[in-house]
PDB file of N, CA and C in Angstrom:
ATOM      1  N   MET A   1     130.815 202.974  54.871  1.00  0.00           N
ATOM      2  CA  MET A   1     131.470 204.178  54.425  1.00  0.00           C
ATOM      3  C   MET A   1     132.948 203.856  54.244  1.00  0.00           C
ATOM      4  N   SER A   2     133.500 204.281  53.144  1.00  0.00           N
ATOM      5  CA  SER A   2     134.920 204.052  52.899  1.00  0.00           C
ATOM      6  C   SER A   2     135.571 205.338  52.386  1.00  0.00           C
ATOM      7  N   VAL A   3     136.838 205.477  52.676  1.00  0.00           N
ATOM      8  CA  VAL A   3     137.585 206.673  52.305  1.00  0.00           C
ATOM      9  C   VAL A   3     138.208 206.472  50.934  1.00  0.00           C
ATOM     10  N   ARG A   4     138.078 207.456  50.098  1.00  0.00           N
ATOM     11  CA  ARG A   4     138.715 207.486  48.785  1.00  0.00           C
ATOM     12  C   ARG A   4     139.481 208.803  48.671  1.00  0.00           C
ATOM     13  N   ALA A   5     140.380 208.871  47.720  1.00  0.00           N
ATOM     14  CA  ALA A   5     141.185 210.079  47.541  1.00  0.00           C
ATOM     15  C   ALA A   5     140.290 211.305  47.416  1.00  0.00           C
ATOM     16  N   GLY A   6     140.406 212.219  48.361  1.00  0.00           N
ATOM     17  CA  GLY A   6     139.660 213.463  48.304  1.00  0.00           C
ATOM     18  C   GLY A   6     138.221 213.379  48.759  1.00  0.00           C
ATOM     19  N   GLY A   7     137.787 212.234  49.286  1.00  0.00           N
ATOM     20  CA  GLY A   7     136.394 212.144  49.705  1.00  0.00           C
ATOM     21  C   GLY A   7     136.031 210.823  50.347  1.00  0.00           C
ATOM     22  N   VAL A   8     134.728 210.555  50.349  1.00  0.00           N
ATOM     23  CA  VAL A   8     134.167 209.400  51.030  1.00  0.00           C
ATOM     24  C   VAL A   8     133.139 208.735  50.116  1.00  0.00           C
ATOM     25  N   LEU A   9     133.073 207.406  50.150  1.00  0.00           N
ATOM     26  CA  LEU A   9     132.012 206.662  49.463  1.00  0.00           C
ATOM     27  C   LEU A   9     131.007 206.190  50.499  1.00  0.00           C
ATOM     28  N   ILE A  10     129.730 206.420  50.219  1.00  0.00           N
ATOM     29  CA  ILE A  10     128.652 206.004  51.114  1.00  0.00           C
ATOM     30  C   ILE A  10     127.741 205.052  50.359  1.00  0.00           C
ATOM     31  N   ARG A  11     127.378 203.942  50.992  1.00  0.00           N
ATOM     32  CA  ARG A  11     126.380 203.033  50.425  1.00  0.00           C
ATOM     33  C   ARG A  11     125.019 203.445  50.972  1.00  0.00           C
ATOM     34  N   VAL A  12     124.060 203.527  50.081  1.00  0.00           N
ATOM     35  CA  VAL A  12     122.721 204.002  50.428  1.00  0.00           C
ATOM     36  C   VAL A  12     121.697 202.985  49.948  1.00  0.00           C
ATOM     37  N   ARG A  13     120.707 202.701  50.782  1.00  0.00           N
ATOM     38  CA  ARG A  13     119.579 201.860  50.376  1.00  0.00           C
ATOM     39  C   ARG A  13     118.370 202.772  50.256  1.00  0.00           C
ATOM     40  N   VAL A  14     117.821 202.875  49.059  1.00  0.00           N
ATOM     41  CA  VAL A  14     116.782 203.854  48.751  1.00  0.00           C
ATOM     42  C   VAL A  14     115.409 203.186  48.660  1.00  0.00           C
ATOM     43  N   THR A  15     114.425 203.833  49.271  1.00  0.00           N
ATOM     44  CA  THR A  15     113.030 203.447  49.119  1.00  0.00           C
ATOM     45  C   THR A  15     112.320 204.600  48.415  1.00  0.00           C
ATOM     46  N   PRO A  16     111.956 204.422  47.132  1.00  0.00           N
ATOM     47  CA  PRO A  16     111.244 205.487  46.412  1.00  0.00           C
ATOM     48  C   PRO A  16     109.753 205.457  46.746  1.00  0.00           C
ATOM     49  N   LYS A  17     109.056 206.471  46.296  1.00  0.00           N
ATOM     50  CA  LYS A  17     107.600 206.604  46.476  1.00  0.00           C
ATOM     51  C   LYS A  17     107.192 206.551  47.948  1.00  0.00           C
ATOM     52  N   ALA A  18     108.003 207.161  48.821  1.00  0.00           N
ATOM     53  CA  ALA A  18     107.688 207.225  50.250  1.00  0.00           C
ATOM     54  C   ALA A  18     106.783 208.430  50.511  1.00  0.00           C
ATOM     55  N   SER A  19     106.269 208.526  51.719  1.00  0.00           N
ATOM     56  CA  SER A  19     105.386 209.640  52.057  1.00  0.00           C
ATOM     57  C   SER A  19     106.152 210.943  52.281  1.00  0.00           C
ATOM     58  N   LYS A  20     107.461 210.845  52.603  1.00  0.00           N
ATOM     59  CA  LYS A  20     108.269 212.050  52.771  1.00  0.00           C
ATOM     60  C   LYS A  20     109.738 211.710  52.526  1.00  0.00           C
ATOM     61  N   ASP A  21     110.534 212.735  52.262  1.00  0.00           N
ATOM     62  CA  ASP A  21     111.968 212.569  52.078  1.00  0.00           C
ATOM     63  C   ASP A  21     112.626 212.553  53.458  1.00  0.00           C
ATOM     64  N   THR A  22     113.355 211.481  53.764  1.00  0.00           N
ATOM     65  CA  THR A  22     113.973 211.380  55.073  1.00  0.00           C
ATOM     66  C   THR A  22     115.141 210.406  55.079  1.00  0.00           C
ATOM     67  N   LEU A  23     116.064 210.646  56.005  1.00  0.00           N
ATOM     68  CA  LEU A  23     117.139 209.701  56.273  1.00  0.00           C
ATOM     69  C   LEU A  23     116.709 208.876  57.473  1.00  0.00           C
ATOM     70  N   GLU A  24     116.735 207.569  57.351  1.00  0.00           N
ATOM     71  CA  GLU A  24     116.252 206.673  58.404  1.00  0.00           C
ATOM     72  C   GLU A  24     117.362 206.167  59.311  1.00  0.00           C
ATOM     73  N   GLY A  25     118.613 206.437  58.987  1.00  0.00           N
ATOM     74  CA  GLY A  25     119.722 205.965  59.808  1.00  0.00           C
ATOM     75  C   GLY A  25     120.501 204.861  59.123  1.00  0.00           C
ATOM     76  N   ILE A  26     121.452 204.314  59.860  1.00  0.00           N
ATOM     77  CA  ILE A  26     122.318 203.273  59.321  1.00  0.00           C
ATOM     78  C   ILE A  26     121.752 201.909  59.681  1.00  0.00           C
ATOM     79  N   GLU A  27     121.787 201.016  58.707  1.00  0.00           N
ATOM     80  CA  GLU A  27     121.205 199.680  58.862  1.00  0.00           C
ATOM     81  C   GLU A  27     122.151 198.658  58.233  1.00  0.00           C
ATOM     82  N   ALA A  28     122.259 197.488  58.851  1.00  0.00           N
ATOM     83  CA  ALA A  28     123.076 196.414  58.282  1.00  0.00           C
ATOM     84  C   ALA A  28     122.203 195.520  57.423  1.00  0.00           C
ATOM     85  N   GLY A  29     122.672 195.219  56.226  1.00  0.00           N
ATOM     86  CA  GLY A  29     121.950 194.332  55.331  1.00  0.00           C
ATOM     87  C   GLY A  29     122.197 192.878  55.690  1.00  0.00           C
ATOM     88  N   ALA A  30     121.534 191.977  54.995  1.00  0.00           N
ATOM     89  CA  ALA A  30     121.692 190.543  55.226  1.00  0.00           C
ATOM     90  C   ALA A  30     123.118 190.089  54.955  1.00  0.00           C
ATOM     91  N   ASP A  31     123.819 190.822  54.095  1.00  0.00           N
ATOM     92  CA  ASP A  31     125.205 190.470  53.769  1.00  0.00           C
ATOM     93  C   ASP A  31     126.208 191.051  54.760  1.00  0.00           C
ATOM     94  N   GLY A  32     125.718 191.761  55.795  1.00  0.00           N
ATOM     95  CA  GLY A  32     126.588 192.336  56.812  1.00  0.00           C
ATOM     96  C   GLY A  32     127.115 193.717  56.477  1.00  0.00           C
ATOM     97  N   VAL A  33     126.823 194.211  55.293  1.00  0.00           N
ATOM     98  CA  VAL A  33     127.280 195.539  54.878  1.00  0.00           C
ATOM     99  C   VAL A  33     126.328 196.595  55.432  1.00  0.00           C
ATOM    100  N   GLU A  34     126.888 197.705  55.909  1.00  0.00           N
ATOM    101  CA  GLU A  34     126.057 198.777  56.444  1.00  0.00           C
ATOM    102  C   GLU A  34     125.647 199.750  55.339  1.00  0.00           C
ATOM    103  N   TYR A  35     124.402 200.193  55.404  1.00  0.00           N
ATOM    104  CA  TYR A  35     123.835 201.128  54.436  1.00  0.00           C
ATOM    105  C   TYR A  35     123.191 202.288  55.183  1.00  0.00           C
ATOM    106  N   LEU A  36     123.191 203.448  54.568  1.00  0.00           N
ATOM    107  CA  LEU A  36     122.405 204.568  55.048  1.00  0.00           C
ATOM    108  C   LEU A  36     121.034 204.416  54.402  1.00  0.00           C
ATOM    109  N   ARG A  37     119.998 204.267  55.200  1.00  0.00           N
ATOM    110  CA  ARG A  37     118.654 204.047  54.672  1.00  0.00           C
ATOM    111  C   ARG A  37     118.015 205.406  54.368  1.00  0.00           C
ATOM    112  N   VAL A  38     117.554 205.566  53.129  1.00  0.00           N
ATOM    113  CA  VAL A  38     116.997 206.829  52.651  1.00  0.00           C
ATOM    114  C   VAL A  38     115.622 206.570  52.030  1.00  0.00           C
ATOM    115  N   LYS A  39     114.657 207.434  52.347  1.00  0.00           N
ATOM    116  CA  LYS A  39     113.349 207.371  51.707  1.00  0.00           C
ATOM    117  C   LYS A  39     113.109 208.687  50.978  1.00  0.00           C
ATOM    118  N   VAL A  40     112.614 208.575  49.734  1.00  0.00           N
ATOM    119  CA  VAL A  40     112.316 209.771  48.940  1.00  0.00           C
ATOM    120  C   VAL A  40     110.920 209.656  48.329  1.00  0.00           C
ATOM    121  N   ARG A  41     110.289 210.797  48.116  1.00  0.00           N
ATOM    122  CA  ARG A  41     108.948 210.820  47.515  1.00  0.00           C
ATOM    123  C   ARG A  41     108.978 210.571  46.018  1.00  0.00           C
ATOM    124  N   ALA A  42     110.091 210.837  45.395  1.00  0.00           N
ATOM    125  CA  ALA A  42     110.207 210.722  43.935  1.00  0.00           C
ATOM    126  C   ALA A  42     110.017 209.282  43.471  1.00  0.00           C
ATOM    127  N   VAL A  43     109.551 209.164  42.240  1.00  0.00           N
ATOM    128  CA  VAL A  43     109.369 207.842  41.635  1.00  0.00           C
ATOM    129  C   VAL A  43     110.672 207.422  40.949  1.00  0.00           C
ATOM    130  N   PRO A  44     110.916 206.116  40.838  1.00  0.00           N
ATOM    131  CA  PRO A  44     112.150 205.656  40.188  1.00  0.00           C
ATOM    132  C   PRO A  44     112.018 205.649  38.670  1.00  0.00           C
ATOM    133  N   ASP A  45     111.853 206.827  38.093  1.00  0.00           N
ATOM    134  CA  ASP A  45     111.652 206.949  36.660  1.00  0.00           C
ATOM    135  C   ASP A  45     112.553 208.054  36.130  1.00  0.00           C
ATOM    136  N   LYS A  46     113.362 207.736  35.143  1.00  0.00           N
ATOM    137  CA  LYS A  46     114.227 208.710  34.468  1.00  0.00           C
ATOM    138  C   LYS A  46     115.152 209.451  35.431  1.00  0.00           C
ATOM    139  N   GLY A  47     115.620 208.760  36.476  1.00  0.00           N
ATOM    140  CA  GLY A  47     116.577 209.348  37.405  1.00  0.00           C
ATOM    141  C   GLY A  47     115.995 210.284  38.438  1.00  0.00           C
ATOM    142  N   GLN A  48     114.666 210.359  38.542  1.00  0.00           N
ATOM    143  CA  GLN A  48     114.052 211.279  39.500  1.00  0.00           C
ATOM    144  C   GLN A  48     114.391 210.911  40.943  1.00  0.00           C
ATOM    145  N   ALA A  49     114.347 209.622  41.275  1.00  0.00           N
ATOM    146  CA  ALA A  49     114.667 209.192  42.640  1.00  0.00           C
ATOM    147  C   ALA A  49     116.148 209.428  42.936  1.00  0.00           C
ATOM    148  N   ASN A  50     117.013 209.179  41.967  1.00  0.00           N
ATOM    149  CA  ASN A  50     118.447 209.426  42.167  1.00  0.00           C
ATOM    150  C   ASN A  50     118.713 210.900  42.454  1.00  0.00           C
ATOM    151  N   ALA A  51     118.080 211.775  41.699  1.00  0.00           N
ATOM    152  CA  ALA A  51     118.241 213.216  41.911  1.00  0.00           C
ATOM    153  C   ALA A  51     117.716 213.626  43.281  1.00  0.00           C
ATOM    154  N   ALA A  52     116.607 213.025  43.705  1.00  0.00           N
ATOM    155  CA  ALA A  52     116.041 213.335  45.015  1.00  0.00           C
ATOM    156  C   ALA A  52     116.964 212.874  46.139  1.00  0.00           C
ATOM    157  N   VAL A  53     117.602 211.729  45.971  1.00  0.00           N
ATOM    158  CA  VAL A  53     118.549 211.228  46.973  1.00  0.00           C
ATOM    159  C   VAL A  53     119.736 212.185  47.099  1.00  0.00           C
ATOM    160  N   LEU A  54     120.292 212.598  45.974  1.00  0.00           N
ATOM    161  CA  LEU A  54     121.429 213.523  46.012  1.00  0.00           C
ATOM    162  C   LEU A  54     121.039 214.857  46.639  1.00  0.00           C
ATOM    163  N   ALA A  55     119.852 215.355  46.325  1.00  0.00           N
ATOM    164  CA  ALA A  55     119.384 216.616  46.907  1.00  0.00           C
ATOM    165  C   ALA A  55     119.188 216.487  48.412  1.00  0.00           C
ATOM    166  N   LEU A  56     118.606 215.374  48.854  1.00  0.00           N
ATOM    167  CA  LEU A  56     118.386 215.155  50.289  1.00  0.00           C
ATOM    168  C   LEU A  56     119.715 215.053  51.029  1.00  0.00           C
ATOM    169  N   LEU A  57     120.657 214.309  50.483  1.00  0.00           N
ATOM    170  CA  LEU A  57     121.968 214.196  51.127  1.00  0.00           C
ATOM    171  C   LEU A  57     122.679 215.548  51.166  1.00  0.00           C
ATOM    172  N   SER A  58     122.575 216.304  50.092  1.00  0.00           N
ATOM    173  CA  SER A  58     123.195 217.624  50.045  1.00  0.00           C
ATOM    174  C   SER A  58     122.643 218.529  51.141  1.00  0.00           C
ATOM    175  N   ARG A  59     121.313 218.534  51.278  1.00  0.00           N
ATOM    176  CA  ARG A  59     120.668 219.344  52.316  1.00  0.00           C
ATOM    177  C   ARG A  59     121.050 218.880  53.707  1.00  0.00           C
ATOM    178  N   THR A  60     120.946 217.590  53.954  1.00  0.00           N
ATOM    179  CA  THR A  60     121.173 217.037  55.286  1.00  0.00           C
ATOM    180  C   THR A  60     122.624 217.184  55.726  1.00  0.00           C
ATOM    181  N   LEU A  61     123.549 216.921  54.806  1.00  0.00           N
ATOM    182  CA  LEU A  61     124.969 216.988  55.137  1.00  0.00           C
ATOM    183  C   LEU A  61     125.552 218.388  54.981  1.00  0.00           C
ATOM    184  N   ARG A  62     124.725 219.335  54.520  1.00  0.00           N
ATOM    185  CA  ARG A  62     125.175 220.712  54.288  1.00  0.00           C
ATOM    186  C   ARG A  62     126.439 220.706  53.424  1.00  0.00           C
ATOM    187  N   HIS A  63     126.303 220.046  52.281  1.00  0.00           N
ATOM    188  CA  HIS A  63     127.405 219.871  51.343  1.00  0.00           C
ATOM    189  C   HIS A  63     126.875 220.203  49.945  1.00  0.00           C
ATOM    190  N   PRO A  64     127.625 220.896  49.111  1.00  0.00           N
ATOM    191  CA  PRO A  64     127.105 221.275  47.789  1.00  0.00           C
ATOM    192  C   PRO A  64     126.773 220.065  46.915  1.00  0.00           C
ATOM    193  N   LYS A  65     125.667 220.187  46.169  1.00  0.00           N
ATOM    194  CA  LYS A  65     125.267 219.085  45.281  1.00  0.00           C
ATOM    195  C   LYS A  65     126.336 218.772  44.251  1.00  0.00           C
ATOM    196  N   SER A  66     127.103 219.768  43.865  1.00  0.00           N
ATOM    197  CA  SER A  66     128.148 219.545  42.869  1.00  0.00           C
ATOM    198  C   SER A  66     129.268 218.644  43.397  1.00  0.00           C
ATOM    199  N   ALA A  67     129.346 218.466  44.719  1.00  0.00           N
ATOM    200  CA  ALA A  67     130.377 217.626  45.326  1.00  0.00           C
ATOM    201  C   ALA A  67     129.866 216.211  45.617  1.00  0.00           C
ATOM    202  N   LEU A  68     128.639 215.893  45.204  1.00  0.00           N
ATOM    203  CA  LEU A  68     128.072 214.559  45.358  1.00  0.00           C
ATOM    204  C   LEU A  68     127.917 213.935  43.981  1.00  0.00           C
ATOM    205  N   GLN A  69     128.241 212.654  43.885  1.00  0.00           N
ATOM    206  CA  GLN A  69     128.127 211.972  42.603  1.00  0.00           C
ATOM    207  C   GLN A  69     127.700 210.535  42.816  1.00  0.00           C
ATOM    208  N   LEU A  70     126.697 210.106  42.058  1.00  0.00           N
ATOM    209  CA  LEU A  70     126.259 208.723  42.059  1.00  0.00           C
ATOM    210  C   LEU A  70     127.268 207.928  41.235  1.00  0.00           C
ATOM    211  N   VAL A  71     127.976 206.987  41.876  1.00  0.00           N
ATOM    212  CA  VAL A  71     129.021 206.253  41.161  1.00  0.00           C
ATOM    213  C   VAL A  71     128.626 204.816  40.843  1.00  0.00           C
ATOM    214  N   ALA A  72     127.588 204.292  41.502  1.00  0.00           N
ATOM    215  CA  ALA A  72     127.136 202.923  41.220  1.00  0.00           C
ATOM    216  C   ALA A  72     125.694 202.767  41.678  1.00  0.00           C
ATOM    217  N   GLY A  73     124.946 201.930  40.958  1.00  0.00           N
ATOM    218  CA  GLY A  73     123.587 201.607  41.361  1.00  0.00           C
ATOM    219  C   GLY A  73     122.513 202.517  40.819  1.00  0.00           C
ATOM    220  N   ALA A  74     122.694 203.075  39.656  1.00  0.00           N
ATOM    221  CA  ALA A  74     121.716 204.012  39.096  1.00  0.00           C
ATOM    222  C   ALA A  74     120.327 203.401  38.968  1.00  0.00           C
ATOM    223  N   THR A  75     120.239 202.100  38.715  1.00  0.00           N
ATOM    224  CA  THR A  75     118.931 201.451  38.566  1.00  0.00           C
ATOM    225  C   THR A  75     118.643 200.473  39.696  1.00  0.00           C
ATOM    226  N   SER A  76     119.394 200.547  40.762  1.00  0.00           N
ATOM    227  CA  SER A  76     119.246 199.629  41.892  1.00  0.00           C
ATOM    228  C   SER A  76     118.805 200.395  43.137  1.00  0.00           C
ATOM    229  N   ARG A  77     118.250 199.680  44.100  1.00  0.00           N
ATOM    230  CA  ARG A  77     117.925 200.309  45.388  1.00  0.00           C
ATOM    231  C   ARG A  77     119.181 200.620  46.187  1.00  0.00           C
ATOM    232  N   ILE A  78     120.213 199.801  45.985  1.00  0.00           N
ATOM    233  CA  ILE A  78     121.485 200.015  46.672  1.00  0.00           C
ATOM    234  C   ILE A  78     122.368 200.866  45.772  1.00  0.00           C
ATOM    235  N   LYS A  79     122.781 202.012  46.283  1.00  0.00           N
ATOM    236  CA  LYS A  79     123.563 202.959  45.495  1.00  0.00           C
ATOM    237  C   LYS A  79     124.858 203.292  46.228  1.00  0.00           C
ATOM    238  N   THR A  80     125.861 203.663  45.476  1.00  0.00           N
ATOM    239  CA  THR A  80     127.104 204.157  46.055  1.00  0.00           C
ATOM    240  C   THR A  80     127.258 205.601  45.617  1.00  0.00           C
ATOM    241  N   ILE A  81     127.450 206.469  46.607  1.00  0.00           N
ATOM    242  CA  ILE A  81     127.547 207.902  46.340  1.00  0.00           C
ATOM    243  C   ILE A  81     128.889 208.402  46.864  1.00  0.00           C
ATOM    244  N   ARG A  82     129.573 209.171  46.028  1.00  0.00           N
ATOM    245  CA  ARG A  82     130.851 209.764  46.422  1.00  0.00           C
ATOM    246  C   ARG A  82     130.631 211.200  46.870  1.00  0.00           C
ATOM    247  N   LEU A  83     131.172 211.535  48.039  1.00  0.00           N
ATOM    248  CA  LEU A  83     131.151 212.898  48.556  1.00  0.00           C
ATOM    249  C   LEU A  83     132.580 213.407  48.523  1.00  0.00           C
ATOM    250  N   ASP A  84     132.828 214.438  47.769  1.00  0.00           N
ATOM    251  CA  ASP A  84     134.167 215.004  47.665  1.00  0.00           C
ATOM    252  C   ASP A  84     134.376 216.073  48.734  1.00  0.00           C
ATOM    253  N   GLY A  85     135.599 216.128  49.264  1.00  0.00           N
ATOM    254  CA  GLY A  85     135.973 217.195  50.181  1.00  0.00           C
ATOM    255  C   GLY A  85     135.522 217.028  51.608  1.00  0.00           C
ATOM    256  N   VAL A  86     135.188 215.801  52.039  1.00  0.00           N
ATOM    257  CA  VAL A  86     134.801 215.559  53.437  1.00  0.00           C
ATOM    258  C   VAL A  86     135.529 214.324  53.956  1.00  0.00           C
ATOM    259  N   THR A  87     135.555 214.206  55.279  1.00  0.00           N
ATOM    260  CA  THR A  87     136.124 213.027  55.920  1.00  0.00           C
ATOM    261  C   THR A  87     134.986 212.200  56.516  1.00  0.00           C
ATOM    262  N   PRO A  88     135.211 210.926  56.811  1.00  0.00           N
ATOM    263  CA  PRO A  88     134.168 210.118  57.448  1.00  0.00           C
ATOM    264  C   PRO A  88     133.696 210.721  58.781  1.00  0.00           C
ATOM    265  N   ALA A  89     134.615 211.312  59.539  1.00  0.00           N
ATOM    266  CA  ALA A  89     134.235 211.921  60.816  1.00  0.00           C
ATOM    267  C   ALA A  89     133.263 213.082  60.604  1.00  0.00           C
ATOM    268  N   GLU A  90     133.489 213.887  59.569  1.00  0.00           N
ATOM    269  CA  GLU A  90     132.581 214.997  59.267  1.00  0.00           C
ATOM    270  C   GLU A  90     131.217 214.485  58.865  1.00  0.00           C
ATOM    271  N   VAL A  91     131.180 213.427  58.066  1.00  0.00           N
ATOM    272  CA  VAL A  91     129.891 212.851  57.631  1.00  0.00           C
ATOM    273  C   VAL A  91     129.131 212.323  58.837  1.00  0.00           C
ATOM    274  N   HIS A  92     129.795 211.580  59.713  1.00  0.00           N
ATOM    275  CA  HIS A  92     129.131 211.045  60.911  1.00  0.00           C
ATOM    276  C   HIS A  92     128.591 212.177  61.790  1.00  0.00           C
ATOM    277  N   ALA A  93     129.394 213.219  61.979  1.00  0.00           N
ATOM    278  CA  ALA A  93     128.976 214.343  62.802  1.00  0.00           C
ATOM    279  C   ALA A  93     127.756 215.051  62.205  1.00  0.00           C
ATOM    280  N   ARG A  94     127.735 215.226  60.895  1.00  0.00           N
ATOM    281  CA  ARG A  94     126.605 215.904  60.254  1.00  0.00           C
ATOM    282  C   ARG A  94     125.354 215.044  60.267  1.00  0.00           C
ATOM    283  N   LEU A  95     125.510 213.725  60.139  1.00  0.00           N
ATOM    284  CA  LEU A  95     124.346 212.840  60.220  1.00  0.00           C
ATOM    285  C   LEU A  95     123.780 212.805  61.635  1.00  0.00           C
ATOM    286  N   ALA A  96     124.653 212.872  62.628  1.00  0.00           N
ATOM    287  CA  ALA A  96     124.205 212.838  64.028  1.00  0.00           C
ATOM    288  C   ALA A  96     123.549 214.148  64.440  1.00  0.00           C
ATOM    289  N   GLY A  97     124.002 215.251  63.843  1.00  0.00           N
ATOM    290  CA  GLY A  97     123.492 216.574  64.227  1.00  0.00           C
ATOM    291  C   GLY A  97     122.363 216.955  63.407  1.00  0.00           C
TER     292      GLY A  97
END
């Protein structure tokens, strides 16, 4: 997670076609970078999985979908999502609660 002007960038590792939509927690990749592991039921076709990830994060973090934006990784499992109007401490607290 990194701080940007007016918000936070989160790296997410997505598993599509899962049995349920869920956040699995924070995990370190082989490169040492930490990712929020996310599973969604949607298929990776025409942005369906990306939309499901944004909807799940919006619900879980209690943050409006309009304040979330996919900024990198549209066709990759590893995505970068920008959350506007929050601090890293708020994100951690909402993920823990």
